[in-house]
N, C-alpha and C. Protein backbone atom coordinates (compact mmCIF):
# COMPACT_ATOMS: atom_id res chain seq x y z
N MET A 1 21.00 0.04 19.92
CA MET A 1 21.67 -0.02 21.43
C MET A 1 21.31 -1.21 22.22
N ASP A 2 22.77 -1.31 22.60
CA ASP A 2 23.02 -2.45 23.55
C ASP A 2 22.71 -2.14 25.03
N THR A 3 23.07 -0.98 25.28
CA THR A 3 23.29 -0.28 27.08
C THR A 3 23.01 1.13 26.78
N VAL A 4 22.49 1.49 27.96
CA VAL A 4 22.17 2.96 27.83
C VAL A 4 23.55 3.54 27.94
N GLN A 5 23.87 4.64 28.11
CA GLN A 5 25.06 5.68 28.39
C GLN A 5 24.89 6.42 29.23
N PHE A 6 23.78 6.51 30.46
CA PHE A 6 23.87 7.09 31.71
C PHE A 6 24.72 6.84 32.54
N THR A 7 25.03 7.28 33.65
CA THR A 7 25.77 6.78 34.79
C THR A 7 24.61 6.69 36.34
N GLN A 8 23.95 7.90 35.89
CA GLN A 8 22.90 8.17 36.57
C GLN A 8 21.29 8.47 36.12
N MET A 9 20.34 7.83 37.09
CA MET A 9 18.96 7.93 36.07
C MET A 9 18.51 9.29 35.84
N ALA A 10 18.83 10.29 36.48
CA ALA A 10 18.40 11.64 36.21
C ALA A 10 19.20 11.96 34.64
N ASP A 11 20.03 11.30 34.32
CA ASP A 11 20.77 11.91 33.22
C ASP A 11 20.02 10.85 31.93
N GLY A 12 19.10 9.87 32.29
CA GLY A 12 18.73 9.37 30.98
C GLY A 12 17.66 10.03 30.24
N THR A 13 17.90 9.41 28.74
CA THR A 13 16.78 9.83 27.53
C THR A 13 15.46 9.28 27.69
N GLY A 14 14.58 9.95 27.12
CA GLY A 14 13.74 9.04 26.26
C GLY A 14 13.84 7.81 25.78
N ASP A 15 14.32 7.74 24.64
CA ASP A 15 15.35 6.71 24.05
C ASP A 15 15.25 5.79 25.00
N GLU A 16 16.47 5.97 26.07
CA GLU A 16 17.22 5.20 27.06
C GLU A 16 16.32 4.67 27.42
N TYR A 17 15.13 5.12 28.07
CA TYR A 17 13.50 4.88 29.11
C TYR A 17 13.34 3.59 28.13
N ARG A 18 12.73 4.05 27.04
CA ARG A 18 12.13 3.20 26.40
C ARG A 18 12.54 1.68 26.21
N PHE A 19 13.87 2.14 25.92
CA PHE A 19 14.55 0.88 25.37
C PHE A 19 14.69 -0.29 26.57
N LEU A 20 15.10 0.62 27.87
CA LEU A 20 14.98 0.12 29.32
C LEU A 20 13.79 -1.04 29.35
N HIS A 21 12.80 -0.08 29.19
CA HIS A 21 11.38 -0.76 29.43
C HIS A 21 10.74 -1.77 28.49
N GLY A 22 11.56 -2.02 26.96
CA GLY A 22 11.26 -3.49 26.20
C GLY A 22 12.33 -4.18 26.73
N LEU A 23 13.30 -3.94 27.23
CA LEU A 23 14.23 -5.00 27.87
C LEU A 23 12.87 -6.11 29.36
N GLU A 24 12.63 -4.92 30.20
CA GLU A 24 11.97 -5.45 31.61
C GLU A 24 10.74 -5.85 31.13
N ARG A 25 9.77 -5.90 29.95
CA ARG A 25 8.72 -6.32 29.56
C ARG A 25 9.44 -7.72 29.35
N GLN A 26 10.47 -7.64 28.68
CA GLN A 26 10.65 -9.45 28.15
C GLN A 26 11.07 -9.78 29.49
N TYR A 27 11.87 -9.40 30.09
CA TYR A 27 12.29 -10.12 31.76
C TYR A 27 11.27 -10.39 32.58
N ILE A 28 9.94 -9.82 32.35
CA ILE A 28 8.62 -10.10 33.12
C ILE A 28 8.21 -11.03 32.90
N ALA A 29 8.36 -11.45 31.01
CA ALA A 29 7.98 -12.60 30.39
C ALA A 29 7.89 -13.70 30.90
N GLU A 30 9.47 -13.74 31.14
CA GLU A 30 10.24 -14.96 31.70
C GLU A 30 9.92 -15.01 33.16
N LEU A 31 9.06 -14.53 34.05
CA LEU A 31 9.05 -14.50 35.50
C LEU A 31 8.68 -16.14 35.81
N PRO A 32 7.46 -16.52 34.86
CA PRO A 32 7.09 -17.98 35.67
C PRO A 32 8.63 -19.17 35.35
N ASP A 33 9.19 -18.75 34.40
CA ASP A 33 10.21 -19.79 34.57
C ASP A 33 11.47 -19.49 35.75
N ARG A 34 11.59 -18.25 35.97
CA ARG A 34 12.42 -18.11 37.06
C ARG A 34 11.65 -18.57 38.18
N ILE A 35 10.23 -18.73 38.34
CA ILE A 35 9.41 -19.17 39.56
C ILE A 35 9.65 -20.64 39.51
N LEU A 36 9.52 -21.06 38.77
CA LEU A 36 9.88 -22.69 38.61
C LEU A 36 11.26 -22.92 38.87
N ALA A 37 11.99 -22.34 38.52
CA ALA A 37 13.43 -22.60 38.66
C ALA A 37 14.01 -22.70 40.10
N ASN A 38 13.13 -21.64 40.82
CA ASN A 38 13.52 -21.36 42.48
C ASN A 38 12.56 -22.17 43.00
N LEU A 39 11.40 -22.83 42.62
CA LEU A 39 10.90 -23.93 43.45
C LEU A 39 11.87 -25.08 43.19
N ARG A 40 12.77 -25.45 42.35
CA ARG A 40 13.39 -26.69 42.16
C ARG A 40 14.79 -26.27 42.95
N VAL A 41 15.04 -25.54 43.38
CA VAL A 41 16.38 -24.90 44.63
C VAL A 41 15.50 -25.36 45.85
N LEU A 42 13.93 -25.26 45.99
CA LEU A 42 13.72 -25.87 47.16
C LEU A 42 13.93 -27.69 47.54
N ASP A 43 14.45 -28.31 46.48
CA ASP A 43 14.64 -29.78 46.73
C ASP A 43 15.57 -29.97 47.45
N ASP A 44 16.34 -29.00 47.61
CA ASP A 44 17.94 -29.11 48.41
C ASP A 44 17.92 -27.86 49.55
N GLY A 45 18.00 -28.51 50.54
CA GLY A 45 18.76 -27.43 51.58
C GLY A 45 17.51 -27.74 53.20
N LEU A 46 17.59 -27.28 54.25
CA LEU A 46 16.77 -27.70 55.05
C LEU A 46 16.94 -29.29 55.72
N ALA A 47 17.69 -29.33 56.09
CA ALA A 47 17.33 -30.61 56.44
C ALA A 47 16.51 -31.31 57.63
N GLY A 48 16.06 -32.30 57.99
CA GLY A 48 15.49 -32.74 59.32
C GLY A 48 14.01 -33.32 59.06
N TYR A 49 13.37 -33.09 58.00
CA TYR A 49 12.15 -32.95 57.75
C TYR A 49 12.23 -34.44 56.67
N ARG A 50 11.19 -35.25 56.60
CA ARG A 50 10.79 -36.48 56.10
C ARG A 50 10.59 -36.33 54.83
N VAL A 51 10.45 -35.11 54.52
CA VAL A 51 10.23 -34.35 52.61
C VAL A 51 11.36 -32.93 52.75
N SER A 52 11.38 -32.86 51.29
CA SER A 52 12.57 -31.65 51.07
C SER A 52 11.34 -30.69 51.16
N ARG A 53 11.75 -29.45 51.05
CA ARG A 53 10.42 -28.26 50.69
C ARG A 53 9.68 -27.93 49.60
N LEU A 54 10.58 -28.60 48.09
CA LEU A 54 9.58 -28.97 47.14
C LEU A 54 8.84 -29.90 47.43
N GLY A 55 9.21 -30.97 47.83
CA GLY A 55 8.42 -31.77 48.31
C GLY A 55 6.98 -31.40 49.13
N HIS A 56 7.25 -30.60 49.69
CA HIS A 56 6.42 -30.04 51.14
C HIS A 56 5.76 -28.85 50.04
N SER A 57 6.00 -28.09 49.54
CA SER A 57 5.37 -27.56 48.23
C SER A 57 4.38 -28.24 47.23
N LEU A 58 5.01 -28.86 46.91
CA LEU A 58 3.68 -30.05 45.75
C LEU A 58 3.13 -30.44 46.96
N GLN A 59 3.53 -31.24 47.61
CA GLN A 59 2.12 -31.92 48.58
C GLN A 59 1.44 -30.59 49.25
N SER A 60 1.56 -29.44 49.39
CA SER A 60 0.58 -28.34 49.94
C SER A 60 -0.05 -27.93 48.48
N ALA A 61 0.39 -28.15 47.43
CA ALA A 61 -0.55 -27.80 46.00
C ALA A 61 -1.32 -28.86 45.66
N THR A 62 -0.81 -30.27 45.69
CA THR A 62 -1.92 -31.26 45.66
C THR A 62 -2.53 -31.14 46.25
N ARG A 63 -2.64 -31.28 47.48
CA ARG A 63 -3.67 -31.12 48.54
C ARG A 63 -4.91 -29.95 48.33
N ALA A 64 -4.50 -28.86 47.50
CA ALA A 64 -5.25 -28.05 47.75
C ALA A 64 -6.38 -28.21 46.23
N GLU A 65 -5.16 -28.58 45.20
CA GLU A 65 -5.98 -29.23 43.94
C GLU A 65 -7.04 -29.91 44.45
N ARG A 66 -6.93 -30.91 44.83
CA ARG A 66 -7.44 -32.00 45.53
C ARG A 66 -8.82 -31.47 46.20
N ASP A 67 -9.05 -30.49 46.95
CA ASP A 67 -9.86 -30.14 47.43
C ASP A 67 -10.82 -29.11 46.66
N GLY A 68 -10.38 -28.78 45.39
CA GLY A 68 -10.65 -28.39 44.43
C GLY A 68 -10.68 -26.86 44.54
N ALA A 69 -9.61 -26.45 44.82
CA ALA A 69 -9.35 -25.14 45.10
C ALA A 69 -8.90 -24.55 43.82
N ASP A 70 -9.22 -23.21 43.64
CA ASP A 70 -8.75 -22.67 42.34
C ASP A 70 -7.22 -21.93 41.87
N VAL A 71 -7.01 -21.68 40.85
CA VAL A 71 -5.40 -21.71 40.71
C VAL A 71 -4.95 -20.63 41.23
N ASP A 72 -5.62 -19.52 41.70
CA ASP A 72 -5.01 -18.98 42.88
C ASP A 72 -4.40 -19.41 44.04
N TRP A 73 -5.76 -20.26 44.43
CA TRP A 73 -5.19 -21.33 45.67
C TRP A 73 -3.95 -22.41 45.59
N ILE A 74 -4.15 -22.83 44.60
CA ILE A 74 -3.19 -24.05 44.56
C ILE A 74 -2.06 -23.50 43.79
N VAL A 75 -1.67 -22.46 43.10
CA VAL A 75 -0.55 -21.70 43.00
C VAL A 75 0.14 -21.07 44.41
N ALA A 76 -0.50 -20.56 45.23
CA ALA A 76 0.23 -20.17 46.34
C ALA A 76 0.23 -20.90 47.11
N ALA A 77 -0.03 -22.07 47.42
CA ALA A 77 0.23 -23.16 47.88
C ALA A 77 1.67 -23.81 47.52
N LEU A 78 1.43 -23.99 46.41
CA LEU A 78 3.22 -24.11 45.94
C LEU A 78 3.91 -23.06 46.11
N VAL A 79 3.65 -22.00 46.11
CA VAL A 79 5.23 -20.95 46.30
C VAL A 79 4.96 -20.42 47.49
N HIS A 80 4.11 -20.88 48.60
CA HIS A 80 3.87 -20.52 49.91
C HIS A 80 5.39 -20.32 50.59
N ASP A 81 6.29 -21.37 50.68
CA ASP A 81 7.68 -21.40 51.35
C ASP A 81 8.36 -20.72 50.34
N ILE A 82 8.76 -20.38 49.00
CA ILE A 82 9.50 -19.88 48.22
C ILE A 82 10.63 -19.42 49.06
N GLY A 83 10.09 -18.47 49.82
CA GLY A 83 11.19 -17.47 50.26
C GLY A 83 12.16 -17.95 51.42
N ASP A 84 11.90 -19.37 51.63
CA ASP A 84 12.71 -20.06 52.56
C ASP A 84 14.12 -20.39 52.41
N ALA A 85 14.52 -19.80 51.21
CA ALA A 85 16.03 -19.83 51.08
C ALA A 85 16.69 -18.72 50.72
N LEU A 86 15.82 -17.60 51.08
CA LEU A 86 16.59 -16.08 50.91
C LEU A 86 16.16 -15.26 51.85
N ALA A 87 14.69 -15.43 52.39
CA ALA A 87 14.11 -15.11 53.58
C ALA A 87 13.64 -16.02 54.73
N PRO A 88 14.40 -16.68 55.59
CA PRO A 88 14.15 -17.84 56.47
C PRO A 88 13.40 -17.37 57.53
N GLU A 89 14.03 -15.78 58.17
CA GLU A 89 13.36 -15.26 59.28
C GLU A 89 11.55 -14.85 58.68
N ASN A 90 11.75 -14.62 57.60
CA ASN A 90 10.43 -13.85 57.36
C ASN A 90 9.79 -14.30 55.51
N HIS A 91 10.05 -15.81 55.50
CA HIS A 91 10.00 -16.47 54.21
C HIS A 91 8.14 -16.01 54.20
N SER A 92 7.23 -16.02 54.73
CA SER A 92 5.78 -15.41 54.68
C SER A 92 6.00 -14.40 53.75
N GLN A 93 6.13 -13.25 54.18
CA GLN A 93 6.62 -11.84 53.62
C GLN A 93 6.98 -12.02 52.03
N LEU A 94 7.98 -12.98 51.87
CA LEU A 94 8.56 -12.75 50.84
C LEU A 94 7.59 -13.45 49.76
N ALA A 95 6.88 -15.02 50.12
CA ALA A 95 6.11 -15.31 49.10
C ALA A 95 4.87 -14.63 49.04
N ALA A 96 4.39 -13.65 49.81
CA ALA A 96 3.22 -12.66 49.79
C ALA A 96 3.63 -11.86 48.96
N ALA A 97 4.84 -11.31 48.65
CA ALA A 97 5.43 -10.01 47.81
C ALA A 97 5.16 -10.50 46.44
N VAL A 98 5.90 -11.76 46.28
CA VAL A 98 5.96 -12.41 44.81
C VAL A 98 4.77 -12.96 44.15
N LEU A 99 3.44 -13.23 44.89
CA LEU A 99 2.59 -13.13 44.45
C LEU A 99 1.30 -12.10 44.29
N ARG A 100 1.58 -11.34 45.37
CA ARG A 100 0.88 -10.17 45.52
C ARG A 100 0.03 -9.50 44.01
N PRO A 101 1.17 -9.20 43.01
CA PRO A 101 0.79 -8.52 41.85
C PRO A 101 -0.40 -9.35 40.98
N TYR A 102 -0.39 -11.09 41.26
CA TYR A 102 -1.00 -11.79 40.22
C TYR A 102 -1.71 -12.00 40.85
N VAL A 103 -2.58 -12.13 41.93
CA VAL A 103 -3.75 -12.77 43.08
C VAL A 103 -4.59 -12.08 43.10
N ARG A 104 -5.58 -12.65 43.80
CA ARG A 104 -6.45 -11.48 44.54
C ARG A 104 -5.86 -11.68 46.16
N GLU A 105 -6.39 -10.14 46.77
CA GLU A 105 -6.22 -9.40 47.90
C GLU A 105 -5.86 -11.21 48.81
N GLU A 106 -7.23 -11.45 48.92
CA GLU A 106 -7.20 -13.00 50.00
C GLU A 106 -6.15 -14.07 50.01
N VAL A 107 -5.85 -13.86 49.18
CA VAL A 107 -4.68 -15.24 48.95
C VAL A 107 -3.51 -14.75 49.57
N THR A 108 -3.25 -13.54 49.06
CA THR A 108 -2.24 -12.67 49.08
C THR A 108 -1.88 -12.70 50.88
N TRP A 109 -2.95 -12.53 51.33
CA TRP A 109 -3.08 -12.09 53.40
C TRP A 109 -2.85 -13.42 53.52
N VAL A 110 -3.53 -14.34 53.22
CA VAL A 110 -3.31 -15.70 53.78
C VAL A 110 -1.69 -16.13 53.44
N VAL A 111 -1.02 -16.41 52.58
CA VAL A 111 0.42 -16.05 52.15
C VAL A 111 1.34 -15.20 53.52
N LEU A 112 0.90 -14.07 53.38
CA LEU A 112 2.09 -13.63 54.15
C LEU A 112 1.70 -13.79 55.53
N MET A 113 0.29 -14.17 56.29
CA MET A 113 0.36 -14.76 57.34
C MET A 113 0.09 -15.89 58.07
N HIS A 114 1.03 -17.06 57.11
CA HIS A 114 0.70 -18.20 57.52
C HIS A 114 1.72 -18.74 58.18
N GLY A 115 2.71 -18.10 58.63
CA GLY A 115 4.02 -17.95 59.45
C GLY A 115 3.35 -17.65 60.77
N VAL A 116 2.63 -17.01 60.91
CA VAL A 116 2.20 -16.74 62.29
C VAL A 116 1.13 -17.72 62.72
N PHE A 117 0.14 -18.20 61.83
CA PHE A 117 -0.48 -19.12 62.08
C PHE A 117 -0.16 -20.32 62.65
N GLN A 118 1.04 -20.91 61.35
CA GLN A 118 1.63 -22.19 61.67
C GLN A 118 2.24 -22.17 62.94
N GLN A 119 2.27 -21.30 64.10
CA GLN A 119 2.96 -21.16 65.08
C GLN A 119 1.99 -21.81 66.20
N LEU A 120 1.00 -22.14 65.51
CA LEU A 120 -0.15 -23.01 66.50
C LEU A 120 0.23 -24.25 66.92
N TYR A 121 1.20 -25.05 65.74
CA TYR A 121 1.52 -25.97 66.00
C TYR A 121 2.55 -26.64 66.71
N TYR A 122 3.75 -25.47 66.79
CA TYR A 122 4.93 -26.10 67.13
C TYR A 122 5.05 -24.37 68.37
N GLY A 123 4.29 -23.70 68.39
CA GLY A 123 4.82 -22.97 69.31
C GLY A 123 5.16 -23.14 70.80
N ASP A 124 4.32 -23.61 71.23
CA ASP A 124 4.44 -24.03 72.57
C ASP A 124 5.87 -24.75 72.81
N HIS A 125 5.95 -25.73 71.62
CA HIS A 125 7.01 -26.47 72.07
C HIS A 125 8.66 -25.99 71.80
N LEU A 126 8.82 -24.49 71.46
CA LEU A 126 9.58 -23.46 71.29
C LEU A 126 9.51 -22.79 72.02
N GLY A 127 8.67 -22.56 73.10
CA GLY A 127 8.69 -21.24 73.54
C GLY A 127 8.24 -20.01 73.06
N VAL A 128 7.58 -20.03 71.87
CA VAL A 128 7.10 -18.82 71.16
C VAL A 128 5.41 -18.57 71.18
N ASP A 129 4.67 -17.65 70.90
CA ASP A 129 3.20 -17.86 71.19
C ASP A 129 2.55 -18.65 69.97
N ALA A 130 2.31 -19.38 70.79
CA ALA A 130 1.13 -20.58 69.70
C ALA A 130 -0.01 -20.05 69.15
N HIS A 131 -0.29 -18.80 69.97
CA HIS A 131 -1.77 -18.31 69.82
C HIS A 131 -1.64 -17.09 69.19
N ALA A 132 -0.33 -16.66 68.85
CA ALA A 132 -0.50 -15.45 68.03
C ALA A 132 -1.18 -15.06 66.74
N ARG A 133 -1.54 -15.80 66.22
CA ARG A 133 -2.61 -15.54 65.33
C ARG A 133 -4.10 -15.17 65.81
N ASP A 134 -4.40 -14.93 66.98
CA ASP A 134 -5.71 -15.15 67.70
C ASP A 134 -5.96 -13.50 67.28
N ALA A 135 -4.89 -12.89 67.60
CA ALA A 135 -4.56 -11.18 67.32
C ALA A 135 -5.12 -10.66 65.72
N TYR A 136 -5.41 -12.00 65.18
CA TYR A 136 -5.55 -11.66 63.91
C TYR A 136 -7.53 -12.31 63.58
N ARG A 137 -7.87 -12.54 64.80
CA ARG A 137 -9.20 -13.31 64.92
C ARG A 137 -10.55 -12.54 64.52
N ASP A 138 -10.47 -11.39 64.46
CA ASP A 138 -11.63 -10.57 63.54
C ASP A 138 -11.11 -9.98 62.13
N HIS A 139 -10.09 -10.66 61.65
CA HIS A 139 -9.68 -10.29 60.23
C HIS A 139 -10.59 -11.18 59.35
N GLN A 140 -11.24 -10.56 58.05
CA GLN A 140 -11.86 -11.27 57.54
C GLN A 140 -11.61 -12.44 56.75
N TRP A 141 -10.41 -12.55 56.99
CA TRP A 141 -9.64 -13.75 56.21
C TRP A 141 -9.01 -14.76 57.32
N PHE A 142 -9.20 -14.48 58.61
CA PHE A 142 -8.63 -15.41 59.06
C PHE A 142 -8.66 -16.78 59.22
N ASP A 143 -10.20 -17.14 59.01
CA ASP A 143 -11.16 -18.48 58.94
C ASP A 143 -9.83 -19.07 57.25
N SER A 144 -9.83 -18.27 56.66
CA SER A 144 -9.41 -18.44 55.20
C SER A 144 -7.80 -19.20 55.60
N CYS A 145 -7.10 -18.50 56.44
CA CYS A 145 -5.49 -18.53 56.87
C CYS A 145 -5.35 -20.11 57.78
N ALA A 146 -6.33 -19.79 58.55
CA ALA A 146 -6.70 -21.18 59.57
C ALA A 146 -6.75 -22.65 58.65
N ARG A 147 -7.79 -22.40 57.27
CA ARG A 147 -7.74 -23.53 56.62
C ARG A 147 -6.64 -23.75 56.13
N PHE A 148 -6.18 -22.74 55.43
CA PHE A 148 -4.67 -22.86 54.23
C PHE A 148 -3.63 -23.75 55.34
N CYS A 149 -3.83 -23.04 56.67
CA CYS A 149 -2.50 -23.93 57.46
C CYS A 149 -3.01 -25.16 57.44
N GLU A 150 -4.12 -25.54 58.32
CA GLU A 150 -4.95 -26.73 58.44
C GLU A 150 -4.67 -27.81 57.58
N ARG A 151 -5.11 -27.77 56.41
CA ARG A 151 -5.64 -28.60 55.32
C ARG A 151 -4.30 -29.14 54.15
N TRP A 152 -3.90 -28.00 53.88
CA TRP A 152 -2.52 -27.90 53.04
C TRP A 152 -1.13 -27.61 53.40
N ASP A 153 -1.07 -26.88 54.57
CA ASP A 153 0.51 -26.70 54.87
C ASP A 153 0.99 -27.29 56.02
N GLN A 154 0.31 -27.59 56.99
CA GLN A 154 0.78 -28.46 57.85
C GLN A 154 0.93 -29.56 57.66
N ALA A 155 -0.40 -29.98 56.74
CA ALA A 155 -0.49 -31.48 56.43
C ALA A 155 0.56 -32.15 55.71
N SER A 156 1.24 -31.29 55.15
CA SER A 156 2.13 -31.76 54.17
C SER A 156 3.72 -32.18 54.12
N PHE A 157 3.70 -32.94 54.86
CA PHE A 157 5.13 -33.15 55.39
C PHE A 157 4.95 -35.00 55.52
N ASP A 158 4.40 -35.36 54.54
CA ASP A 158 4.19 -37.05 54.85
C ASP A 158 4.97 -37.72 53.37
N PRO A 159 6.13 -38.53 53.69
CA PRO A 159 6.74 -38.83 52.67
C PRO A 159 6.06 -39.67 51.77
N ASP A 160 4.77 -40.60 52.48
CA ASP A 160 4.02 -41.81 51.36
C ASP A 160 2.61 -41.08 50.46
N TYR A 161 2.20 -39.49 50.84
CA TYR A 161 1.05 -38.67 50.57
C TYR A 161 1.69 -38.85 49.03
N PRO A 162 0.65 -39.45 48.19
CA PRO A 162 0.76 -39.32 46.41
C PRO A 162 0.58 -37.75 45.83
N THR A 163 1.98 -37.89 45.71
CA THR A 163 2.09 -35.87 45.32
C THR A 163 2.26 -35.61 43.81
N GLU A 164 1.52 -34.54 43.17
CA GLU A 164 1.92 -34.48 42.00
C GLU A 164 3.15 -34.00 41.86
N THR A 165 3.64 -33.76 40.59
CA THR A 165 4.88 -33.19 40.24
C THR A 165 5.06 -31.78 39.96
N LEU A 166 6.13 -31.22 39.98
CA LEU A 166 6.08 -29.64 39.35
C LEU A 166 5.50 -29.57 37.98
N GLU A 167 6.17 -30.67 37.15
CA GLU A 167 5.64 -30.26 35.59
C GLU A 167 3.77 -30.41 35.73
N HIS A 168 3.25 -31.04 36.27
CA HIS A 168 1.87 -31.04 36.66
C HIS A 168 1.26 -29.64 36.88
N PHE A 169 2.23 -28.76 37.88
CA PHE A 169 1.84 -27.76 38.37
C PHE A 169 2.24 -26.68 37.50
N GLU A 170 2.91 -26.58 36.52
CA GLU A 170 3.63 -25.53 35.49
C GLU A 170 2.98 -24.94 34.60
N PRO A 171 1.88 -25.33 34.15
CA PRO A 171 0.40 -24.50 33.12
C PRO A 171 0.08 -23.56 34.54
N MET A 172 -0.26 -24.03 35.62
CA MET A 172 -0.98 -23.00 36.49
C MET A 172 0.25 -22.09 36.83
N VAL A 173 1.55 -22.50 36.93
CA VAL A 173 2.78 -21.03 37.51
C VAL A 173 2.32 -20.40 36.18
N ARG A 174 2.56 -20.90 35.00
CA ARG A 174 2.35 -19.85 33.87
C ARG A 174 1.70 -18.83 33.75
N GLU A 175 -0.06 -19.90 34.10
CA GLU A 175 -1.37 -18.92 34.02
C GLU A 175 -0.90 -17.92 35.17
N VAL A 176 -0.83 -17.88 36.37
CA VAL A 176 -0.99 -17.08 37.30
C VAL A 176 0.20 -16.26 37.22
N PHE A 177 1.51 -16.33 36.66
CA PHE A 177 2.54 -15.17 36.78
C PHE A 177 2.85 -14.77 35.42
N SER A 178 1.59 -15.28 34.22
CA SER A 178 1.53 -14.63 33.09
C SER A 178 0.69 -12.75 33.21
N ARG A 179 -0.15 -13.38 34.13
CA ARG A 179 -1.60 -12.20 33.98
C ARG A 179 -0.91 -10.99 33.99
N PRO A 180 -1.66 -10.01 33.86
CA PRO A 180 -1.19 -8.46 33.94
C PRO A 180 -1.19 -8.03 35.50
N ALA A 181 -0.20 -7.48 36.20
CA ALA A 181 0.07 -7.45 37.39
C ALA A 181 -0.95 -6.45 37.67
N PHE A 182 -1.31 -6.38 38.86
CA PHE A 182 -2.05 -5.37 40.01
C PHE A 182 -3.19 -5.36 38.75
N PRO A 183 -4.21 -6.06 38.28
CA PRO A 183 -5.26 -6.12 37.42
C PRO A 183 -6.28 -4.68 38.10
N THR A 184 -6.81 -5.08 39.33
CA THR A 184 -7.42 -4.61 40.14
C THR A 184 -7.20 -2.98 41.04
N ALA A 185 -6.29 -2.72 40.54
CA ALA A 185 -5.10 -1.23 40.97
C ALA A 185 -5.87 -0.29 40.47
N PRO A 186 -6.04 0.68 41.23
CA PRO A 186 -6.62 2.17 40.88
C PRO A 186 -5.45 2.78 39.61
């Protein structure tokens, strides 16, 4: 079978759905390659900074690794802005959705919220609430997100910082995005 015959999902047969499931498993296995390709896209776009979005992402991941972070944090620092191209107004949510099936809940929450937490650094200059993150002050991962933003995200726009290459992080990307999805889900 090369393609299914149905034109409405309700009409699909067991054989067709098993066929599609096999193709989907193959497609999912190629996720690390698509993540790496989408990171490379960040090397182009959004002018004005002294480093590209890819450079910023690599620098964030390099800082995380040099701080002794585990692979989940390093990969999260690498992909935290992967949503910039397709979801510039909610890039944090897109990046968190990409990570969520493969990393622990704390890491997902930090990536989800980093956009709000980053307002601390620029909000007063643009007339947005620089302290919007304070609404989450009692959240169990507030300090983790504040640390992520302070040490790895906001500090990573330095064109002179000695930064690792994408190839350096490729094995980590492959490790994280090749894991079984939602391993602790009920």
